[in-house]
Each structure stands twice: as C-alpha cells, then as structure tokens.
Amino acid sequence: MLLAAHRFGLGTIWRTGSLCYHEKTKEFFGLSDKGALLGLIYVGYPDMEPRHVKKTSYKDVTTRLS
C-alpha cells in the first residue's frame, strides 16, 4: 500500500504507539474486545522532493535454491 501511494506521488509513514491502544480508537474502528490495531498509515502530499536512492536489483541479493 505504501509503494502504491508512492507511485502516485503521495508520501506515507507507518506509525504505531499509544493511539493504537486507546479505547476511543478501538471504538472508532469498531474493534471488539479481542480486536487489535497494529498501526496507522498516514498519507499525504510531501512538501519536498524525494532524494534519489540507488536501486539494487533483486538478483544481487537473492539466491535460487533448486
């Protein structure tokens, strides 16, 4: 989901913490007593240009076992 958002020019960040465990948050999302929220994904338009990152091919870091 984060990669798909990036493809459309959106910035994302996965966050967790006390907000995920608050009763009002569980109520908002309709979670049962056994339900759990693992994190929230914040999405928005970045206010800066993304830095260029050298991509490594999967072929350089994987080995096929036959």
PDB file of N, CA and C in Angstrom:
ATOM      1  N   MET A   1       0.823  -1.174   0.000  1.00  0.00           N
ATOM      2  CA  MET A   1       0.000   0.000   0.000  1.00  0.00           C
ATOM      3  C   MET A   1       0.879   1.254   0.000  1.00  0.00           C
ATOM      4  N   LEU A   2       1.945   1.221   0.776  1.00  0.00           N
ATOM      5  CA  LEU A   2       2.843   2.370   0.818  1.00  0.00           C
ATOM      6  C   LEU A   2       3.520   2.577  -0.530  1.00  0.00           C
ATOM      7  N   LEU A   3       3.920   1.491  -1.187  1.00  0.00           N
ATOM      8  CA  LEU A   3       4.553   1.601  -2.501  1.00  0.00           C
ATOM      9  C   LEU A   3       3.567   2.104  -3.558  1.00  0.00           C
ATOM     10  N   ALA A   4       2.320   1.656  -3.484  1.00  0.00           N
ATOM     11  CA  ALA A   4       1.306   2.121  -4.438  1.00  0.00           C
ATOM     12  C   ALA A   4       1.056   3.610  -4.262  1.00  0.00           C
ATOM     13  N   ALA A   5       0.988   4.081  -3.028  1.00  0.00           N
ATOM     14  CA  ALA A   5       0.796   5.508  -2.774  1.00  0.00           C
ATOM     15  C   ALA A   5       1.982   6.298  -3.310  1.00  0.00           C
ATOM     16  N   HIS A   6       3.192   5.798  -3.101  1.00  0.00           N
ATOM     17  CA  HIS A   6       4.397   6.461  -3.603  1.00  0.00           C
ATOM     18  C   HIS A   6       4.350   6.600  -5.121  1.00  0.00           C
ATOM     19  N   ARG A   7       3.854   5.572  -5.786  1.00  0.00           N
ATOM     20  CA  ARG A   7       3.738   5.585  -7.255  1.00  0.00           C
ATOM     21  C   ARG A   7       2.888   6.760  -7.732  1.00  0.00           C
ATOM     22  N   PHE A   8       1.917   7.178  -6.928  1.00  0.00           N
ATOM     23  CA  PHE A   8       1.031   8.284  -7.292  1.00  0.00           C
ATOM     24  C   PHE A   8       1.481   9.619  -6.700  1.00  0.00           C
ATOM     25  N   GLY A   9       2.717   9.665  -6.216  1.00  0.00           N
ATOM     26  CA  GLY A   9       3.270  10.910  -5.726  1.00  0.00           C
ATOM     27  C   GLY A   9       2.897  11.262  -4.291  1.00  0.00           C
ATOM     28  N   LEU A  10       2.382  10.294  -3.558  1.00  0.00           N
ATOM     29  CA  LEU A  10       1.995  10.534  -2.169  1.00  0.00           C
ATOM     30  C   LEU A  10       3.107  10.103  -1.227  1.00  0.00           C
ATOM     31  N   GLY A  11       3.194  10.749  -0.093  1.00  0.00           N
ATOM     32  CA  GLY A  11       4.119  10.352   0.953  1.00  0.00           C
ATOM     33  C   GLY A  11       3.358   9.559   2.003  1.00  0.00           C
ATOM     34  N   THR A  12       3.991   8.557   2.583  1.00  0.00           N
ATOM     35  CA  THR A  12       3.339   7.731   3.604  1.00  0.00           C
ATOM     36  C   THR A  12       4.309   7.448   4.743  1.00  0.00           C
ATOM     37  N   ILE A  13       3.735   7.135   5.885  1.00  0.00           N
ATOM     38  CA  ILE A  13       4.527   6.665   7.011  1.00  0.00           C
ATOM     39  C   ILE A  13       3.644   5.766   7.873  1.00  0.00           C
ATOM     40  N   TRP A  14       4.210   4.637   8.297  1.00  0.00           N
ATOM     41  CA  TRP A  14       3.537   3.699   9.192  1.00  0.00           C
ATOM     42  C   TRP A  14       3.877   4.119  10.607  1.00  0.00           C
ATOM     43  N   ARG A  15       2.866   4.327  11.443  1.00  0.00           N
ATOM     44  CA  ARG A  15       3.091   4.736  12.828  1.00  0.00           C
ATOM     45  C   ARG A  15       2.320   3.814  13.760  1.00  0.00           C
ATOM     46  N   THR A  16       2.836   3.637  14.933  1.00  0.00           N
ATOM     47  CA  THR A  16       2.171   2.891  15.980  1.00  0.00           C
ATOM     48  C   THR A  16       2.413   3.627  17.293  1.00  0.00           C
ATOM     49  N   GLY A  17       1.866   3.126  18.358  1.00  0.00           N
ATOM     50  CA  GLY A  17       2.054   3.791  19.645  1.00  0.00           C
ATOM     51  C   GLY A  17       0.769   3.777  20.454  1.00  0.00           C
ATOM     52  N   SER A  18       0.719   4.641  21.457  1.00  0.00           N
ATOM     53  CA  SER A  18      -0.392   4.622  22.406  1.00  0.00           C
ATOM     54  C   SER A  18      -1.747   4.867  21.737  1.00  0.00           C
ATOM     55  N   LEU A  19      -1.770   5.647  20.655  1.00  0.00           N
ATOM     56  CA  LEU A  19      -3.034   5.904  19.953  1.00  0.00           C
ATOM     57  C   LEU A  19      -3.688   4.604  19.485  1.00  0.00           C
ATOM     58  N   CYS A  20      -2.883   3.628  19.088  1.00  0.00           N
ATOM     59  CA  CYS A  20      -3.414   2.348  18.598  1.00  0.00           C
ATOM     60  C   CYS A  20      -4.112   1.554  19.689  1.00  0.00           C
ATOM     61  N   TYR A  21      -3.792   1.826  20.944  1.00  0.00           N
ATOM     62  CA  TYR A  21      -4.341   1.045  22.053  1.00  0.00           C
ATOM     63  C   TYR A  21      -5.418   1.793  22.837  1.00  0.00           C
ATOM     64  N   HIS A  22      -5.717   3.008  22.428  1.00  0.00           N
ATOM     65  CA  HIS A  22      -6.706   3.818  23.149  1.00  0.00           C
ATOM     66  C   HIS A  22      -8.117   3.277  22.882  1.00  0.00           C
ATOM     67  N   GLU A  23      -8.939   3.253  23.897  1.00  0.00           N
ATOM     68  CA  GLU A  23     -10.306   2.719  23.776  1.00  0.00           C
ATOM     69  C   GLU A  23     -11.126   3.483  22.738  1.00  0.00           C
ATOM     70  N   LYS A  24     -10.965   4.789  22.655  1.00  0.00           N
ATOM     71  CA  LYS A  24     -11.722   5.591  21.670  1.00  0.00           C
ATOM     72  C   LYS A  24     -11.332   5.196  20.246  1.00  0.00           C
ATOM     73  N   THR A  25     -10.075   4.854  20.035  1.00  0.00           N
ATOM     74  CA  THR A  25      -9.625   4.423  18.707  1.00  0.00           C
ATOM     75  C   THR A  25     -10.255   3.082  18.359  1.00  0.00           C
ATOM     76  N   LYS A  26     -10.252   2.149  19.309  1.00  0.00           N
ATOM     77  CA  LYS A  26     -10.874   0.846  19.071  1.00  0.00           C
ATOM     78  C   LYS A  26     -12.359   1.014  18.772  1.00  0.00           C
ATOM     79  N   GLU A  27     -13.003   1.912  19.497  1.00  0.00           N
ATOM     80  CA  GLU A  27     -14.425   2.183  19.291  1.00  0.00           C
ATOM     81  C   GLU A  27     -14.661   2.777  17.907  1.00  0.00           C
ATOM     82  N   PHE A  28     -13.820   3.725  17.499  1.00  0.00           N
ATOM     83  CA  PHE A  28     -13.957   4.374  16.190  1.00  0.00           C
ATOM     84  C   PHE A  28     -13.898   3.362  15.047  1.00  0.00           C
ATOM     85  N   PHE A  29     -12.967   2.401  15.153  1.00  0.00           N
ATOM     86  CA  PHE A  29     -12.802   1.397  14.106  1.00  0.00           C
ATOM     87  C   PHE A  29     -13.703   0.183  14.294  1.00  0.00           C
ATOM     88  N   GLY A  30     -14.526   0.185  15.340  1.00  0.00           N
ATOM     89  CA  GLY A  30     -15.470  -0.907  15.563  1.00  0.00           C
ATOM     90  C   GLY A  30     -14.802  -2.215  15.941  1.00  0.00           C
ATOM     91  N   LEU A  31     -13.697  -2.147  16.664  1.00  0.00           N
ATOM     92  CA  LEU A  31     -12.997  -3.372  17.074  1.00  0.00           C
ATOM     93  C   LEU A  31     -13.656  -3.979  18.310  1.00  0.00           C
ATOM     94  N   SER A  32     -13.660  -5.295  18.360  1.00  0.00           N
ATOM     95  CA  SER A  32     -14.190  -5.997  19.540  1.00  0.00           C
ATOM     96  C   SER A  32     -13.139  -5.971  20.650  1.00  0.00           C
ATOM     97  N   ASP A  33     -13.477  -6.549  21.786  1.00  0.00           N
ATOM     98  CA  ASP A  33     -12.513  -6.632  22.881  1.00  0.00           C
ATOM     99  C   ASP A  33     -11.271  -7.429  22.495  1.00  0.00           C
ATOM    100  N   LYS A  34     -11.459  -8.388  21.582  1.00  0.00           N
ATOM    101  CA  LYS A  34     -10.329  -9.208  21.139  1.00  0.00           C
ATOM    102  C   LYS A  34      -9.606  -8.600  19.940  1.00  0.00           C
ATOM    103  N   GLY A  35     -10.166  -7.532  19.373  1.00  0.00           N
ATOM    104  CA  GLY A  35      -9.561  -6.887  18.207  1.00  0.00           C
ATOM    105  C   GLY A  35      -8.338  -6.077  18.581  1.00  0.00           C
ATOM    106  N   ALA A  36      -7.454  -5.884  17.615  1.00  0.00           N
ATOM    107  CA  ALA A  36      -6.235  -5.109  17.855  1.00  0.00           C
ATOM    108  C   ALA A  36      -5.907  -4.280  16.619  1.00  0.00           C
ATOM    109  N   LEU A  37      -5.408  -3.108  16.856  1.00  0.00           N
ATOM    110  CA  LEU A  37      -4.951  -2.222  15.796  1.00  0.00           C
ATOM    111  C   LEU A  37      -3.431  -2.228  15.836  1.00  0.00           C
ATOM    112  N   LEU A  38      -2.792  -2.632  14.740  1.00  0.00           N
ATOM    113  CA  LEU A  38      -1.334  -2.761  14.737  1.00  0.00           C
ATOM    114  C   LEU A  38      -0.632  -1.454  14.423  1.00  0.00           C
ATOM    115  N   GLY A  39      -1.271  -0.595  13.668  1.00  0.00           N
ATOM    116  CA  GLY A  39      -0.631   0.662  13.304  1.00  0.00           C
ATOM    117  C   GLY A  39      -1.542   1.473  12.410  1.00  0.00           C
ATOM    118  N   LEU A  40      -1.128   2.692  12.145  1.00  0.00           N
ATOM    119  CA  LEU A  40      -1.865   3.592  11.266  1.00  0.00           C
ATOM    120  C   LEU A  40      -0.935   4.021  10.135  1.00  0.00           C
ATOM    121  N   ILE A  41      -1.471   4.165   8.936  1.00  0.00           N
ATOM    122  CA  ILE A  41      -0.684   4.648   7.811  1.00  0.00           C
ATOM    123  C   ILE A  41      -1.148   6.057   7.498  1.00  0.00           C
ATOM    124  N   TYR A  42      -0.254   7.007   7.688  1.00  0.00           N
ATOM    125  CA  TYR A  42      -0.535   8.402   7.375  1.00  0.00           C
ATOM    126  C   TYR A  42      -0.182   8.629   5.902  1.00  0.00           C
ATOM    127  N   VAL A  43      -1.072   9.301   5.172  1.00  0.00           N
ATOM    128  CA  VAL A  43      -0.878   9.541   3.746  1.00  0.00           C
ATOM    129  C   VAL A  43      -1.056  11.020   3.469  1.00  0.00           C
ATOM    130  N   GLY A  44      -0.186  11.568   2.644  1.00  0.00           N
ATOM    131  CA  GLY A  44      -0.310  12.974   2.281  1.00  0.00           C
ATOM    132  C   GLY A  44       0.631  13.326   1.152  1.00  0.00           C
ATOM    133  N   TYR A  45       0.577  14.595   0.744  1.00  0.00           N
ATOM    134  CA  TYR A  45       1.469  15.076  -0.300  1.00  0.00           C
ATOM    135  C   TYR A  45       2.728  15.644   0.352  1.00  0.00           C
ATOM    136  N   PRO A  46       3.905  15.157  -0.041  1.00  0.00           N
ATOM    137  CA  PRO A  46       5.140  15.646   0.569  1.00  0.00           C
ATOM    138  C   PRO A  46       5.411  17.099   0.189  1.00  0.00           C
ATOM    139  N   ASP A  47       6.080  17.825   1.088  1.00  0.00           N
ATOM    140  CA  ASP A  47       6.417  19.223   0.810  1.00  0.00           C
ATOM    141  C   ASP A  47       7.884  19.374   0.411  1.00  0.00           C
ATOM    142  N   MET A  48       8.494  18.270  -0.043  1.00  0.00           N
ATOM    143  CA  MET A  48       9.878  18.310  -0.518  1.00  0.00           C
ATOM    144  C   MET A  48      10.063  17.240  -1.589  1.00  0.00           C
ATOM    145  N   GLU A  49      11.146  17.376  -2.332  1.00  0.00           N
ATOM    146  CA  GLU A  49      11.457  16.398  -3.371  1.00  0.00           C
ATOM    147  C   GLU A  49      12.072  15.159  -2.724  1.00  0.00           C
ATOM    148  N   PRO A  50      11.668  13.966  -3.169  1.00  0.00           N
ATOM    149  CA  PRO A  50      12.288  12.760  -2.604  1.00  0.00           C
ATOM    150  C   PRO A  50      13.752  12.673  -3.040  1.00  0.00           C
ATOM    151  N   ARG A  51      14.598  12.178  -2.152  1.00  0.00           N
ATOM    152  CA  ARG A  51      16.008  12.039  -2.516  1.00  0.00           C
ATOM    153  C   ARG A  51      16.191  10.838  -3.425  1.00  0.00           C
ATOM    154  N   HIS A  52      17.166  10.916  -4.277  1.00  0.00           N
ATOM    155  CA  HIS A  52      17.445   9.829  -5.217  1.00  0.00           C
ATOM    156  C   HIS A  52      18.116   8.681  -4.469  1.00  0.00           C
ATOM    157  N   VAL A  53      17.600   7.489  -4.655  1.00  0.00           N
ATOM    158  CA  VAL A  53      18.141   6.302  -3.998  1.00  0.00           C
ATOM    159  C   VAL A  53      18.585   5.319  -5.069  1.00  0.00           C
ATOM    160  N   LYS A  54      19.814   4.825  -4.945  1.00  0.00           N
ATOM    161  CA  LYS A  54      20.305   3.826  -5.889  1.00  0.00           C
ATOM    162  C   LYS A  54      19.561   2.522  -5.657  1.00  0.00           C
ATOM    163  N   LYS A  55      18.939   2.007  -6.680  1.00  0.00           N
ATOM    164  CA  LYS A  55      18.175   0.763  -6.583  1.00  0.00           C
ATOM    165  C   LYS A  55      19.096  -0.442  -6.763  1.00  0.00           C
ATOM    166  N   THR A  56      18.903  -1.446  -5.941  1.00  0.00           N
ATOM    167  CA  THR A  56      19.651  -2.696  -6.042  1.00  0.00           C
ATOM    168  C   THR A  56      18.729  -3.743  -6.645  1.00  0.00           C
ATOM    169  N   SER A  57      19.207  -4.434  -7.643  1.00  0.00           N
ATOM    170  CA  SER A  57      18.409  -5.480  -8.278  1.00  0.00           C
ATOM    171  C   SER A  57      18.214  -6.651  -7.320  1.00  0.00           C
ATOM    172  N   TYR A  58      17.047  -7.241  -7.364  1.00  0.00           N
ATOM    173  CA  TYR A  58      16.788  -8.406  -6.522  1.00  0.00           C
ATOM    174  C   TYR A  58      17.773  -9.538  -6.844  1.00  0.00           C
ATOM    175  N   LYS A  59      18.271  -9.554  -8.084  1.00  0.00           N
ATOM    176  CA  LYS A  59      19.216 -10.608  -8.492  1.00  0.00           C
ATOM    177  C   LYS A  59      20.534 -10.513  -7.723  1.00  0.00           C
ATOM    178  N   ASP A  60      20.858  -9.314  -7.236  1.00  0.00           N
ATOM    179  CA  ASP A  60      22.104  -9.130  -6.486  1.00  0.00           C
ATOM    180  C   ASP A  60      22.002  -9.585  -5.031  1.00  0.00           C
ATOM    181  N   VAL A  61      20.807  -9.799  -4.545  1.00  0.00           N
ATOM    182  CA  VAL A  61      20.649 -10.113  -3.115  1.00  0.00           C
ATOM    183  C   VAL A  61      19.852 -11.391  -2.855  1.00  0.00           C
ATOM    184  N   THR A  62      19.537 -12.145  -3.917  1.00  0.00           N
ATOM    185  CA  THR A  62      18.784 -13.384  -3.734  1.00  0.00           C
ATOM    186  C   THR A  62      19.526 -14.556  -4.385  1.00  0.00           C
ATOM    187  N   THR A  63      19.259 -15.726  -3.864  1.00  0.00           N
ATOM    188  CA  THR A  63      19.828 -16.953  -4.410  1.00  0.00           C
ATOM    189  C   THR A  63      18.691 -17.956  -4.595  1.00  0.00           C
ATOM    190  N   ARG A  64      18.654 -18.569  -5.747  1.00  0.00           N
ATOM    191  CA  ARG A  64      17.623 -19.576  -6.019  1.00  0.00           C
ATOM    192  C   ARG A  64      18.126 -20.939  -5.560  1.00  0.00           C
ATOM    193  N   LEU A  65      17.323 -21.583  -4.731  1.00  0.00           N
ATOM    194  CA  LEU A  65      17.636 -22.938  -4.278  1.00  0.00           C
ATOM    195  C   LEU A  65      16.820 -23.935  -5.102  1.00  0.00           C
ATOM    196  N   SER A  66      17.488 -24.898  -5.701  1.00  0.00           N
ATOM    197  CA  SER A  66      16.780 -25.875  -6.528  1.00  0.00           C
ATOM    198  C   SER A  66      16.556 -27.164  -5.799  1.00  0.00           C
TER     199      SER A  66
END
